[in-house]
Amino acid sequence: MASCSWGNVIRTANQETVLVLQIESQQAYDNIDSIKRIPGIDVLLVGPLDLSASVGKITETGCKEVQEIMRDVPSRLEGSGIASGTTLMDLSDIQEKIDWGYRFLNVGNVLNYGT
């Protein structure tokens, strides 16, 4: 970035921006087919913690309701050009989510660093 001119950054920023929308509620999940038709979305990121609250199981990210949604999202996005993303608290979950079709993974939580 240090070698780029400010004018070039301004002219090209929109071409180099990744648009990530978060799916954090049952309502958003229910509307995923409409959401994925919006032009310009690069990633739909499923937020399991907020999703757990939305399905009435606050903090229970491993509950059946959340996990069913988590498993379903990548298949619903197949062929759309939109990557499935999620946030993981535990490194041991990475391979499972990749196997499910997730390609954009945010791993960790600042509250857990250094513990």
PDB file of N, CA and C in Angstrom:
ATOM      1  N   MET A   1       0.822  -1.189   0.000  1.00  0.00           N
ATOM      2  CA  MET A   1       0.000   0.000   0.000  1.00  0.00           C
ATOM      3  C   MET A   1       0.865   1.252   0.000  1.00  0.00           C
ATOM      4  N   ALA A   2       2.033   1.181   0.643  1.00  0.00           N
ATOM      5  CA  ALA A   2       2.901   2.351   0.745  1.00  0.00           C
ATOM      6  C   ALA A   2       3.356   2.831  -0.625  1.00  0.00           C
ATOM      7  N   SER A   3       3.479   1.909  -1.592  1.00  0.00           N
ATOM      8  CA  SER A   3       3.947   2.306  -2.922  1.00  0.00           C
ATOM      9  C   SER A   3       2.814   2.745  -3.844  1.00  0.00           C
ATOM     10  N   CYS A   4       1.583   2.620  -3.411  1.00  0.00           N
ATOM     11  CA  CYS A   4       0.439   3.013  -4.240  1.00  0.00           C
ATOM     12  C   CYS A   4       0.125   4.485  -4.061  1.00  0.00           C
ATOM     13  N   SER A   5      -0.308   5.076  -5.150  1.00  0.00           N
ATOM     14  CA  SER A   5      -0.736   6.478  -5.044  1.00  0.00           C
ATOM     15  C   SER A   5      -2.156   6.516  -4.496  1.00  0.00           C
ATOM     16  N   TRP A   6      -2.466   7.565  -3.773  1.00  0.00           N
ATOM     17  CA  TRP A   6      -3.802   7.733  -3.195  1.00  0.00           C
ATOM     18  C   TRP A   6      -4.858   7.736  -4.293  1.00  0.00           C
ATOM     19  N   GLY A   7      -4.571   8.380  -5.406  1.00  0.00           N
ATOM     20  CA  GLY A   7      -5.513   8.432  -6.523  1.00  0.00           C
ATOM     21  C   GLY A   7      -5.812   7.047  -7.060  1.00  0.00           C
ATOM     22  N   ASN A   8      -4.789   6.204  -7.173  1.00  0.00           N
ATOM     23  CA  ASN A   8      -4.986   4.838  -7.647  1.00  0.00           C
ATOM     24  C   ASN A   8      -5.824   4.035  -6.659  1.00  0.00           C
ATOM     25  N   VAL A   9      -5.574   4.220  -5.375  1.00  0.00           N
ATOM     26  CA  VAL A   9      -6.361   3.527  -4.351  1.00  0.00           C
ATOM     27  C   VAL A   9      -7.834   3.902  -4.493  1.00  0.00           C
ATOM     28  N   ILE A  10      -8.126   5.168  -4.636  1.00  0.00           N
ATOM     29  CA  ILE A  10      -9.517   5.626  -4.768  1.00  0.00           C
ATOM     30  C   ILE A  10     -10.152   5.067  -6.038  1.00  0.00           C
ATOM     31  N   ARG A  11      -9.405   5.081  -7.162  1.00  0.00           N
ATOM     32  CA  ARG A  11      -9.960   4.603  -8.437  1.00  0.00           C
ATOM     33  C   ARG A  11     -10.229   3.099  -8.434  1.00  0.00           C
ATOM     34  N   THR A  12      -9.453   2.324  -7.696  1.00  0.00           N
ATOM     35  CA  THR A  12      -9.570   0.865  -7.771  1.00  0.00           C
ATOM     36  C   THR A  12     -10.208   0.212  -6.541  1.00  0.00           C
ATOM     37  N   ALA A  13     -10.518   0.987  -5.533  1.00  0.00           N
ATOM     38  CA  ALA A  13     -11.006   0.412  -4.270  1.00  0.00           C
ATOM     39  C   ALA A  13     -12.236  -0.468  -4.452  1.00  0.00           C
ATOM     40  N   ASN A  14     -13.194  -0.039  -5.230  1.00  0.00           N
ATOM     41  CA  ASN A  14     -14.412  -0.833  -5.387  1.00  0.00           C
ATOM     42  C   ASN A  14     -14.164  -2.141  -6.116  1.00  0.00           C
ATOM     43  N   GLN A  15     -13.158  -2.171  -6.982  1.00  0.00           N
ATOM     44  CA  GLN A  15     -12.829  -3.406  -7.698  1.00  0.00           C
ATOM     45  C   GLN A  15     -12.136  -4.404  -6.779  1.00  0.00           C
ATOM     46  N   GLU A  16     -11.539  -3.921  -5.703  1.00  0.00           N
ATOM     47  CA  GLU A  16     -10.762  -4.770  -4.815  1.00  0.00           C
ATOM     48  C   GLU A  16     -11.417  -4.952  -3.445  1.00  0.00           C
ATOM     49  N   THR A  17     -12.687  -4.624  -3.363  1.00  0.00           N
ATOM     50  CA  THR A  17     -13.420  -4.746  -2.106  1.00  0.00           C
ATOM     51  C   THR A  17     -14.176  -6.063  -2.077  1.00  0.00           C
ATOM     52  N   VAL A  18     -14.152  -6.725  -0.949  1.00  0.00           N
ATOM     53  CA  VAL A  18     -14.924  -7.949  -0.755  1.00  0.00           C
ATOM     54  C   VAL A  18     -16.151  -7.589   0.073  1.00  0.00           C
ATOM     55  N   LEU A  19     -17.315  -7.942  -0.435  1.00  0.00           N
ATOM     56  CA  LEU A  19     -18.560  -7.661   0.270  1.00  0.00           C
ATOM     57  C   LEU A  19     -19.010  -8.914   1.015  1.00  0.00           C
ATOM     58  N   VAL A  20     -18.992  -8.821   2.346  1.00  0.00           N
ATOM     59  CA  VAL A  20     -19.383  -9.934   3.209  1.00  0.00           C
ATOM     60  C   VAL A  20     -20.664  -9.551   3.933  1.00  0.00           C
ATOM     61  N   LEU A  21     -21.705 -10.338   3.732  1.00  0.00           N
ATOM     62  CA  LEU A  21     -22.960 -10.140   4.461  1.00  0.00           C
ATOM     63  C   LEU A  21     -23.069 -11.224   5.518  1.00  0.00           C
ATOM     64  N   GLN A  22     -23.581 -10.852   6.669  1.00  0.00           N
ATOM     65  CA  GLN A  22     -23.703 -11.804   7.764  1.00  0.00           C
ATOM     66  C   GLN A  22     -25.118 -12.351   7.856  1.00  0.00           C
ATOM     67  N   ILE A  23     -25.195 -13.655   8.031  1.00  0.00           N
ATOM     68  CA  ILE A  23     -26.461 -14.346   8.254  1.00  0.00           C
ATOM     69  C   ILE A  23     -26.467 -14.713   9.732  1.00  0.00           C
ATOM     70  N   GLU A  24     -27.226 -13.955  10.515  1.00  0.00           N
ATOM     71  CA  GLU A  24     -27.174 -14.124  11.969  1.00  0.00           C
ATOM     72  C   GLU A  24     -28.546 -14.308  12.607  1.00  0.00           C
ATOM     73  N   SER A  25     -29.537 -14.595  11.791  1.00  0.00           N
ATOM     74  CA  SER A  25     -30.876 -14.797  12.349  1.00  0.00           C
ATOM     75  C   SER A  25     -31.623 -15.839  11.529  1.00  0.00           C
ATOM     76  N   GLN A  26     -32.626 -16.411  12.138  1.00  0.00           N
ATOM     77  CA  GLN A  26     -33.488 -17.352  11.428  1.00  0.00           C
ATOM     78  C   GLN A  26     -34.117 -16.661  10.224  1.00  0.00           C
ATOM     79  N   GLN A  27     -34.508 -15.397  10.393  1.00  0.00           N
ATOM     80  CA  GLN A  27     -35.134 -14.656   9.304  1.00  0.00           C
ATOM     81  C   GLN A  27     -34.182 -14.506   8.117  1.00  0.00           C
ATOM     82  N   ALA A  28     -32.927 -14.185   8.385  1.00  0.00           N
ATOM     83  CA  ALA A  28     -31.947 -14.063   7.295  1.00  0.00           C
ATOM     84  C   ALA A  28     -31.781 -15.410   6.589  1.00  0.00           C
ATOM     85  N   TYR A  29     -31.669 -16.471   7.363  1.00  0.00           N
ATOM     86  CA  TYR A  29     -31.551 -17.809   6.772  1.00  0.00           C
ATOM     87  C   TYR A  29     -32.779 -18.130   5.926  1.00  0.00           C
ATOM     88  N   ASP A  30     -33.962 -17.826   6.429  1.00  0.00           N
ATOM     89  CA  ASP A  30     -35.190 -18.096   5.684  1.00  0.00           C
ATOM     90  C   ASP A  30     -35.234 -17.330   4.361  1.00  0.00           C
ATOM     91  N   ASN A  31     -34.520 -16.226   4.298  1.00  0.00           N
ATOM     92  CA  ASN A  31     -34.511 -15.381   3.094  1.00  0.00           C
ATOM     93  C   ASN A  31     -33.237 -15.530   2.260  1.00  0.00           C
ATOM     94  N   ILE A  32     -32.472 -16.575   2.498  1.00  0.00           N
ATOM     95  CA  ILE A  32     -31.180 -16.717   1.835  1.00  0.00           C
ATOM     96  C   ILE A  32     -31.307 -16.787   0.307  1.00  0.00           C
ATOM     97  N   ASP A  33     -32.364 -17.379  -0.207  1.00  0.00           N
ATOM     98  CA  ASP A  33     -32.519 -17.456  -1.658  1.00  0.00           C
ATOM     99  C   ASP A  33     -32.709 -16.079  -2.279  1.00  0.00           C
ATOM    100  N   SER A  34     -33.401 -15.196  -1.605  1.00  0.00           N
ATOM    101  CA  SER A  34     -33.546 -13.817  -2.081  1.00  0.00           C
ATOM    102  C   SER A  34     -32.250 -13.039  -1.902  1.00  0.00           C
ATOM    103  N   ILE A  35     -31.609 -13.229  -0.770  1.00  0.00           N
ATOM    104  CA  ILE A  35     -30.368 -12.508  -0.469  1.00  0.00           C
ATOM    105  C   ILE A  35     -29.288 -12.845  -1.490  1.00  0.00           C
ATOM    106  N   LYS A  36     -29.163 -14.112  -1.855  1.00  0.00           N
ATOM    107  CA  LYS A  36     -28.079 -14.515  -2.756  1.00  0.00           C
ATOM    108  C   LYS A  36     -28.267 -13.983  -4.176  1.00  0.00           C
ATOM    109  N   ARG A  37     -29.429 -13.474  -4.502  1.00  0.00           N
ATOM    110  CA  ARG A  37     -29.659 -12.881  -5.823  1.00  0.00           C
ATOM    111  C   ARG A  37     -29.227 -11.419  -5.901  1.00  0.00           C
ATOM    112  N   ILE A  38     -28.855 -10.838  -4.779  1.00  0.00           N
ATOM    113  CA  ILE A  38     -28.394  -9.449  -4.765  1.00  0.00           C
ATOM    114  C   ILE A  38     -27.011  -9.399  -5.412  1.00  0.00           C
ATOM    115  N   PRO A  39     -26.834  -8.590  -6.437  1.00  0.00           N
ATOM    116  CA  PRO A  39     -25.536  -8.543  -7.119  1.00  0.00           C
ATOM    117  C   PRO A  39     -24.426  -7.995  -6.218  1.00  0.00           C
ATOM    118  N   GLY A  40     -23.236  -8.550  -6.401  1.00  0.00           N
ATOM    119  CA  GLY A  40     -22.055  -8.014  -5.744  1.00  0.00           C
ATOM    120  C   GLY A  40     -21.665  -8.663  -4.434  1.00  0.00           C
ATOM    121  N   ILE A  41     -22.437  -9.598  -3.930  1.00  0.00           N
ATOM    122  CA  ILE A  41     -22.099 -10.266  -2.672  1.00  0.00           C
ATOM    123  C   ILE A  41     -21.003 -11.298  -2.948  1.00  0.00           C
ATOM    124  N   ASP A  42     -19.946 -11.251  -2.152  1.00  0.00           N
ATOM    125  CA  ASP A  42     -18.852 -12.205  -2.298  1.00  0.00           C
ATOM    126  C   ASP A  42     -18.936 -13.345  -1.286  1.00  0.00           C
ATOM    127  N   VAL A  43     -19.393 -13.041  -0.073  1.00  0.00           N
ATOM    128  CA  VAL A  43     -19.427 -14.028   1.004  1.00  0.00           C
ATOM    129  C   VAL A  43     -20.699 -13.837   1.824  1.00  0.00           C
ATOM    130  N   LEU A  44     -21.351 -14.942   2.159  1.00  0.00           N
ATOM    131  CA  LEU A  44     -22.386 -14.933   3.185  1.00  0.00           C
ATOM    132  C   LEU A  44     -21.787 -15.625   4.385  1.00  0.00           C
ATOM    133  N   LEU A  45     -21.620 -14.889   5.471  1.00  0.00           N
ATOM    134  CA  LEU A  45     -20.962 -15.385   6.667  1.00  0.00           C
ATOM    135  C   LEU A  45     -22.005 -15.705   7.729  1.00  0.00           C
ATOM    136  N   VAL A  46     -22.087 -16.969   8.104  1.00  0.00           N
ATOM    137  CA  VAL A  46     -23.042 -17.404   9.118  1.00  0.00           C
ATOM    138  C   VAL A  46     -22.427 -17.167  10.494  1.00  0.00           C
ATOM    139  N   GLY A  47     -23.117 -16.386  11.321  1.00  0.00           N
ATOM    140  CA  GLY A  47     -22.673 -16.116  12.679  1.00  0.00           C
ATOM    141  C   GLY A  47     -23.376 -17.048  13.643  1.00  0.00           C
ATOM    142  N   PRO A  48     -22.731 -18.141  14.061  1.00  0.00           N
ATOM    143  CA  PRO A  48     -23.424 -19.139  14.877  1.00  0.00           C
ATOM    144  C   PRO A  48     -23.877 -18.651  16.252  1.00  0.00           C
ATOM    145  N   LEU A  49     -23.142 -17.738  16.852  1.00  0.00           N
ATOM    146  CA  LEU A  49     -23.544 -17.289  18.190  1.00  0.00           C
ATOM    147  C   LEU A  49     -24.828 -16.468  18.135  1.00  0.00           C
ATOM    148  N   ASP A  50     -24.890 -15.500  17.249  1.00  0.00           N
ATOM    149  CA  ASP A  50     -26.118 -14.716  17.111  1.00  0.00           C
ATOM    150  C   ASP A  50     -27.257 -15.584  16.579  1.00  0.00           C
ATOM    151  N   LEU A  51     -26.923 -16.506  15.693  1.00  0.00           N
ATOM    152  CA  LEU A  51     -27.935 -17.421  15.182  1.00  0.00           C
ATOM    153  C   LEU A  51     -28.528 -18.255  16.309  1.00  0.00           C
ATOM    154  N   SER A  52     -27.691 -18.673  17.248  1.00  0.00           N
ATOM    155  CA  SER A  52     -28.205 -19.461  18.381  1.00  0.00           C
ATOM    156  C   SER A  52     -29.231 -18.668  19.182  1.00  0.00           C
ATOM    157  N   ALA A  53     -28.991 -17.388  19.360  1.00  0.00           N
ATOM    158  CA  ALA A  53     -29.955 -16.546  20.074  1.00  0.00           C
ATOM    159  C   ALA A  53     -31.250 -16.421  19.282  1.00  0.00           C
ATOM    160  N   SER A  54     -31.117 -16.317  17.971  1.00  0.00           N
ATOM    161  CA  SER A  54     -32.283 -16.150  17.117  1.00  0.00           C
ATOM    162  C   SER A  54     -33.198 -17.375  17.130  1.00  0.00           C
ATOM    163  N   VAL A  55     -32.608 -18.562  17.332  1.00  0.00           N
ATOM    164  CA  VAL A  55     -33.438 -19.774  17.358  1.00  0.00           C
ATOM    165  C   VAL A  55     -33.832 -20.166  18.783  1.00  0.00           C
ATOM    166  N   GLY A  56     -33.572 -19.263  19.723  1.00  0.00           N
ATOM    167  CA  GLY A  56     -33.994 -19.488  21.104  1.00  0.00           C
ATOM    168  C   GLY A  56     -33.064 -20.368  21.911  1.00  0.00           C
ATOM    169  N   LYS A  57     -31.832 -20.536  21.465  1.00  0.00           N
ATOM    170  CA  LYS A  57     -30.861 -21.388  22.159  1.00  0.00           C
ATOM    171  C   LYS A  57     -29.575 -20.598  22.394  1.00  0.00           C
ATOM    172  N   ILE A  58     -29.705 -19.441  23.015  1.00  0.00           N
ATOM    173  CA  ILE A  58     -28.592 -18.512  23.169  1.00  0.00           C
ATOM    174  C   ILE A  58     -27.336 -19.208  23.708  1.00  0.00           C
ATOM    175  N   THR A  59     -26.247 -18.977  23.033  1.00  0.00           N
ATOM    176  CA  THR A  59     -24.891 -19.519  23.269  1.00  0.00           C
ATOM    177  C   THR A  59     -24.749 -21.004  22.941  1.00  0.00           C
ATOM    178  N   GLU A  60     -25.806 -21.680  22.548  1.00  0.00           N
ATOM    179  CA  GLU A  60     -25.731 -23.110  22.232  1.00  0.00           C
ATOM    180  C   GLU A  60     -25.469 -23.295  20.734  1.00  0.00           C
ATOM    181  N   THR A  61     -24.270 -22.921  20.313  1.00  0.00           N
ATOM    182  CA  THR A  61     -23.946 -22.967  18.886  1.00  0.00           C
ATOM    183  C   THR A  61     -23.910 -24.388  18.324  1.00  0.00           C
ATOM    184  N   GLY A  62     -23.761 -25.377  19.178  1.00  0.00           N
ATOM    185  CA  GLY A  62     -23.764 -26.766  18.739  1.00  0.00           C
ATOM    186  C   GLY A  62     -25.141 -27.404  18.729  1.00  0.00           C
ATOM    187  N   CYS A  63     -26.182 -26.613  19.045  1.00  0.00           N
ATOM    188  CA  CYS A  63     -27.535 -27.184  19.088  1.00  0.00           C
ATOM    189  C   CYS A  63     -27.978 -27.609  17.684  1.00  0.00           C
ATOM    190  N   LYS A  64     -28.943 -28.512  17.658  1.00  0.00           N
ATOM    191  CA  LYS A  64     -29.450 -29.080  16.412  1.00  0.00           C
ATOM    192  C   LYS A  64     -29.895 -27.993  15.428  1.00  0.00           C
ATOM    193  N   GLU A  65     -30.626 -26.996  15.907  1.00  0.00           N
ATOM    194  CA  GLU A  65     -31.168 -25.961  15.022  1.00  0.00           C
ATOM    195  C   GLU A  65     -30.048 -25.183  14.328  1.00  0.00           C
ATOM    196  N   VAL A  66     -29.051 -24.772  15.082  1.00  0.00           N
ATOM    197  CA  VAL A  66     -27.938 -24.012  14.505  1.00  0.00           C
ATOM    198  C   VAL A  66     -27.134 -24.887  13.560  1.00  0.00           C
ATOM    199  N   GLN A  67     -26.833 -26.099  13.972  1.00  0.00           N
ATOM    200  CA  GLN A  67     -26.017 -26.976  13.146  1.00  0.00           C
ATOM    201  C   GLN A  67     -26.717 -27.364  11.841  1.00  0.00           C
ATOM    202  N   GLU A  68     -28.026 -27.521  11.864  1.00  0.00           N
ATOM    203  CA  GLU A  68     -28.756 -27.808  10.619  1.00  0.00           C
ATOM    204  C   GLU A  68     -28.644 -26.642   9.641  1.00  0.00           C
ATOM    205  N   ILE A  69     -28.764 -25.431  10.147  1.00  0.00           N
ATOM    206  CA  ILE A  69     -28.611 -24.252   9.294  1.00  0.00           C
ATOM    207  C   ILE A  69     -27.182 -24.171   8.775  1.00  0.00           C
ATOM    208  N   MET A  70     -26.212 -24.372   9.669  1.00  0.00           N
ATOM    209  CA  MET A  70     -24.807 -24.313   9.277  1.00  0.00           C
ATOM    210  C   MET A  70     -24.499 -25.321   8.166  1.00  0.00           C
ATOM    211  N   ARG A  71     -25.039 -26.515   8.280  1.00  0.00           N
ATOM    212  CA  ARG A  71     -24.807 -27.549   7.259  1.00  0.00           C
ATOM    213  C   ARG A  71     -25.476 -27.189   5.933  1.00  0.00           C
ATOM    214  N   ASP A  72     -26.618 -26.520   5.995  1.00  0.00           N
ATOM    215  CA  ASP A  72     -27.419 -26.251   4.801  1.00  0.00           C
ATOM    216  C   ASP A  72     -26.917 -25.068   3.972  1.00  0.00           C
ATOM    217  N   VAL A  73     -26.363 -24.061   4.609  1.00  0.00           N
ATOM    218  CA  VAL A  73     -26.005 -22.831   3.889  1.00  0.00           C
ATOM    219  C   VAL A  73     -25.085 -23.082   2.697  1.00  0.00           C
ATOM    220  N   PRO A  74     -23.972 -23.811   2.831  1.00  0.00           N
ATOM    221  CA  PRO A  74     -23.109 -24.002   1.661  1.00  0.00           C
ATOM    222  C   PRO A  74     -23.830 -24.632   0.467  1.00  0.00           C
ATOM    223  N   SER A  75     -24.697 -25.593   0.716  1.00  0.00           N
ATOM    224  CA  SER A  75     -25.411 -26.218  -0.408  1.00  0.00           C
ATOM    225  C   SER A  75     -26.389 -25.237  -1.045  1.00  0.00           C
ATOM    226  N   ARG A  76     -26.962 -24.366  -0.253  1.00  0.00           N
ATOM    227  CA  ARG A  76     -27.893 -23.363  -0.790  1.00  0.00           C
ATOM    228  C   ARG A  76     -27.174 -22.330  -1.648  1.00  0.00           C
ATOM    229  N   LEU A  77     -25.866 -22.170  -1.422  1.00  0.00           N
ATOM    230  CA  LEU A  77     -25.097 -21.178  -2.184  1.00  0.00           C
ATOM    231  C   LEU A  77     -24.376 -21.771  -3.388  1.00  0.00           C
ATOM    232  N   GLU A  78     -24.410 -23.089  -3.539  1.00  0.00           N
ATOM    233  CA  GLU A  78     -23.730 -23.732  -4.664  1.00  0.00           C
ATOM    234  C   GLU A  78     -24.177 -23.118  -5.984  1.00  0.00           C
ATOM    235  N   GLY A  79     -23.203 -22.821  -6.828  1.00  0.00           N
ATOM    236  CA  GLY A  79     -23.484 -22.278  -8.151  1.00  0.00           C
ATOM    237  C   GLY A  79     -23.789 -20.794  -8.176  1.00  0.00           C
ATOM    238  N   SER A  80     -23.843 -20.152  -7.023  1.00  0.00           N
ATOM    239  CA  SER A  80     -24.191 -18.722  -6.970  1.00  0.00           C
ATOM    240  C   SER A  80     -22.975 -17.819  -7.129  1.00  0.00           C
ATOM    241  N   GLY A  81     -21.778 -18.374  -6.956  1.00  0.00           N
ATOM    242  CA  GLY A  81     -20.572 -17.548  -6.968  1.00  0.00           C
ATOM    243  C   GLY A  81     -20.297 -16.879  -5.635  1.00  0.00           C
ATOM    244  N   ILE A  82     -21.109 -17.174  -4.653  1.00  0.00           N
ATOM    245  CA  ILE A  82     -20.950 -16.603  -3.313  1.00  0.00           C
ATOM    246  C   ILE A  82     -20.333 -17.673  -2.414  1.00  0.00           C
ATOM    247  N   ALA A  83     -19.276 -17.300  -1.702  1.00  0.00           N
ATOM    248  CA  ALA A  83     -18.625 -18.232  -0.781  1.00  0.00           C
ATOM    249  C   ALA A  83     -19.381 -18.279   0.536  1.00  0.00           C
ATOM    250  N   SER A  84     -19.403 -19.456   1.116  1.00  0.00           N
ATOM    251  CA  SER A  84     -19.971 -19.622   2.461  1.00  0.00           C
ATOM    252  C   SER A  84     -18.877 -19.326   3.469  1.00  0.00           C
ATOM    253  N   GLY A  85     -19.236 -18.571   4.495  1.00  0.00           N
ATOM    254  CA  GLY A  85     -18.274 -18.254   5.538  1.00  0.00           C
ATOM    255  C   GLY A  85     -18.873 -18.442   6.910  1.00  0.00           C
ATOM    256  N   THR A  86     -18.011 -18.564   7.891  1.00  0.00           N
ATOM    257  CA  THR A  86     -18.468 -18.658   9.270  1.00  0.00           C
ATOM    258  C   THR A  86     -17.334 -18.286  10.212  1.00  0.00           C
ATOM    259  N   THR A  87     -17.686 -18.145  11.458  1.00  0.00           N
ATOM    260  CA  THR A  87     -16.733 -17.876  12.527  1.00  0.00           C
ATOM    261  C   THR A  87     -16.639 -19.117  13.394  1.00  0.00           C
ATOM    262  N   LEU A  88     -15.411 -19.504  13.701  1.00  0.00           N
ATOM    263  CA  LEU A  88     -15.169 -20.686  14.521  1.00  0.00           C
ATOM    264  C   LEU A  88     -14.398 -20.282  15.762  1.00  0.00           C
ATOM    265  N   MET A  89     -14.767 -20.846  16.883  1.00  0.00           N
ATOM    266  CA  MET A  89     -14.060 -20.575  18.127  1.00  0.00           C
ATOM    267  C   MET A  89     -12.956 -21.590  18.373  1.00  0.00           C
ATOM    268  N   ASP A  90     -13.084 -22.757  17.775  1.00  0.00           N
ATOM    269  CA  ASP A  90     -12.180 -23.857  18.068  1.00  0.00           C
ATOM    270  C   ASP A  90     -11.515 -24.337  16.780  1.00  0.00           C
ATOM    271  N   LEU A  91     -10.200 -24.433  16.782  1.00  0.00           N
ATOM    272  CA  LEU A  91      -9.461 -24.882  15.610  1.00  0.00           C
ATOM    273  C   LEU A  91      -9.890 -26.277  15.155  1.00  0.00           C
ATOM    274  N   SER A  92     -10.366 -27.087  16.065  1.00  0.00           N
ATOM    275  CA  SER A  92     -10.752 -28.454  15.710  1.00  0.00           C
ATOM    276  C   SER A  92     -11.980 -28.499  14.803  1.00  0.00           C
ATOM    277  N   ASP A  93     -12.703 -27.394  14.673  1.00  0.00           N
ATOM    278  CA  ASP A  93     -13.902 -27.350  13.833  1.00  0.00           C
ATOM    279  C   ASP A  93     -13.598 -27.027  12.375  1.00  0.00           C
ATOM    280  N   ILE A  94     -12.376 -26.633  12.077  1.00  0.00           N
ATOM    281  CA  ILE A  94     -12.050 -26.158  10.732  1.00  0.00           C
ATOM    282  C   ILE A  94     -12.339 -27.208   9.667  1.00  0.00           C
ATOM    283  N   GLN A  95     -11.791 -28.409   9.810  1.00  0.00           N
ATOM    284  CA  GLN A  95     -11.946 -29.432   8.771  1.00  0.00           C
ATOM    285  C   GLN A  95     -13.407 -29.777   8.532  1.00  0.00           C
ATOM    286  N   GLU A  96     -14.192 -29.857   9.609  1.00  0.00           N
ATOM    287  CA  GLU A  96     -15.616 -30.162   9.453  1.00  0.00           C
ATOM    288  C   GLU A  96     -16.296 -29.102   8.590  1.00  0.00           C
ATOM    289  N   LYS A  97     -16.029 -27.850   8.861  1.00  0.00           N
ATOM    290  CA  LYS A  97     -16.686 -26.776   8.110  1.00  0.00           C
ATOM    291  C   LYS A  97     -16.210 -26.745   6.660  1.00  0.00           C
ATOM    292  N   ILE A  98     -14.950 -27.047   6.424  1.00  0.00           N
ATOM    293  CA  ILE A  98     -14.457 -27.153   5.045  1.00  0.00           C
ATOM    294  C   ILE A  98     -15.184 -28.296   4.339  1.00  0.00           C
ATOM    295  N   ASP A  99     -15.332 -29.412   5.015  1.00  0.00           N
ATOM    296  CA  ASP A  99     -16.047 -30.555   4.433  1.00  0.00           C
ATOM    297  C   ASP A  99     -17.498 -30.206   4.118  1.00  0.00           C
ATOM    298  N   TRP A 100     -18.100 -29.348   4.911  1.00  0.00           N
ATOM    299  CA  TRP A 100     -19.483 -28.918   4.671  1.00  0.00           C
ATOM    300  C   TRP A 100     -19.583 -27.939   3.500  1.00  0.00           C
ATOM    301  N   GLY A 101     -18.447 -27.335   3.091  1.00  0.00           N
ATOM    302  CA  GLY A 101     -18.456 -26.411   1.958  1.00  0.00           C
ATOM    303  C   GLY A 101     -18.082 -24.981   2.296  1.00  0.00           C
ATOM    304  N   TYR A 102     -17.692 -24.719   3.523  1.00  0.00           N
ATOM    305  CA  TYR A 102     -17.276 -23.367   3.902  1.00  0.00           C
ATOM    306  C   TYR A 102     -15.900 -23.072   3.326  1.00  0.00           C
ATOM    307  N   ARG A 103     -15.741 -21.856   2.781  1.00  0.00           N
ATOM    308  CA  ARG A 103     -14.481 -21.461   2.161  1.00  0.00           C
ATOM    309  C   ARG A 103     -13.909 -20.171   2.740  1.00  0.00           C
ATOM    310  N   PHE A 104     -14.638 -19.500   3.591  1.00  0.00           N
ATOM    311  CA  PHE A 104     -14.210 -18.243   4.208  1.00  0.00           C
ATOM    312  C   PHE A 104     -14.362 -18.448   5.707  1.00  0.00           C
ATOM    313  N   LEU A 105     -13.237 -18.638   6.402  1.00  0.00           N
ATOM    314  CA  LEU A 105     -13.297 -19.003   7.812  1.00  0.00           C
ATOM    315  C   LEU A 105     -12.599 -17.965   8.673  1.00  0.00           C
ATOM    316  N   ASN A 106     -13.315 -17.462   9.639  1.00  0.00           N
ATOM    317  CA  ASN A 106     -12.780 -16.552  10.649  1.00  0.00           C
ATOM    318  C   ASN A 106     -12.602 -17.403  11.902  1.00  0.00           C
ATOM    319  N   VAL A 107     -11.338 -17.614  12.271  1.00  0.00           N
ATOM    320  CA  VAL A 107     -11.063 -18.550  13.360  1.00  0.00           C
ATOM    321  C   VAL A 107     -10.530 -17.808  14.571  1.00  0.00           C
ATOM    322  N   GLY A 108     -11.136 -18.051  15.721  1.00  0.00           N
ATOM    323  CA  GLY A 108     -10.657 -17.496  16.959  1.00  0.00           C
ATOM    324  C   GLY A 108     -11.560 -16.435  17.531  1.00  0.00           C
ATOM    325  N   ASN A 109     -11.161 -15.999  18.711  1.00  0.00           N
ATOM    326  CA  ASN A 109     -11.906 -15.010  19.453  1.00  0.00           C
ATOM    327  C   ASN A 109     -10.921 -14.315  20.376  1.00  0.00           C
ATOM    328  N   VAL A 110     -10.865 -13.009  20.346  1.00  0.00           N
ATOM    329  CA  VAL A 110      -9.879 -12.297  21.168  1.00  0.00           C
ATOM    330  C   VAL A 110     -10.031 -12.614  22.651  1.00  0.00           C
ATOM    331  N   LEU A 111     -11.210 -13.025  23.068  1.00  0.00           N
ATOM    332  CA  LEU A 111     -11.406 -13.379  24.470  1.00  0.00           C
ATOM    333  C   LEU A 111     -10.684 -14.667  24.831  1.00  0.00           C
ATOM    334  N   ASN A 112     -10.377 -15.501  23.829  1.00  0.00           N
ATOM    335  CA  ASN A 112      -9.691 -16.763  24.081  1.00  0.00           C
ATOM    336  C   ASN A 112      -8.188 -16.695  23.865  1.00  0.00           C
ATOM    337  N   TYR A 113      -7.695 -15.635  23.275  1.00  0.00           N
ATOM    338  CA  TYR A 113      -6.261 -15.541  23.020  1.00  0.00           C
ATOM    339  C   TYR A 113      -5.502 -15.414  24.339  1.00  0.00           C
ATOM    340  N   GLY A 114      -4.426 -16.132  24.446  1.00  0.00           N
ATOM    341  CA  GLY A 114      -3.591 -16.040  25.631  1.00  0.00           C
ATOM    342  C   GLY A 114      -4.079 -16.856  26.801  1.00  0.00           C
ATOM    343  N   THR A 115      -5.125 -17.674  26.589  1.00  0.00           N
ATOM    344  CA  THR A 115      -5.607 -18.501  27.697  1.00  0.00           C
ATOM    345  C   THR A 115      -5.158 -19.928  27.541  1.00  0.00           C
TER     346      THR A 115
END
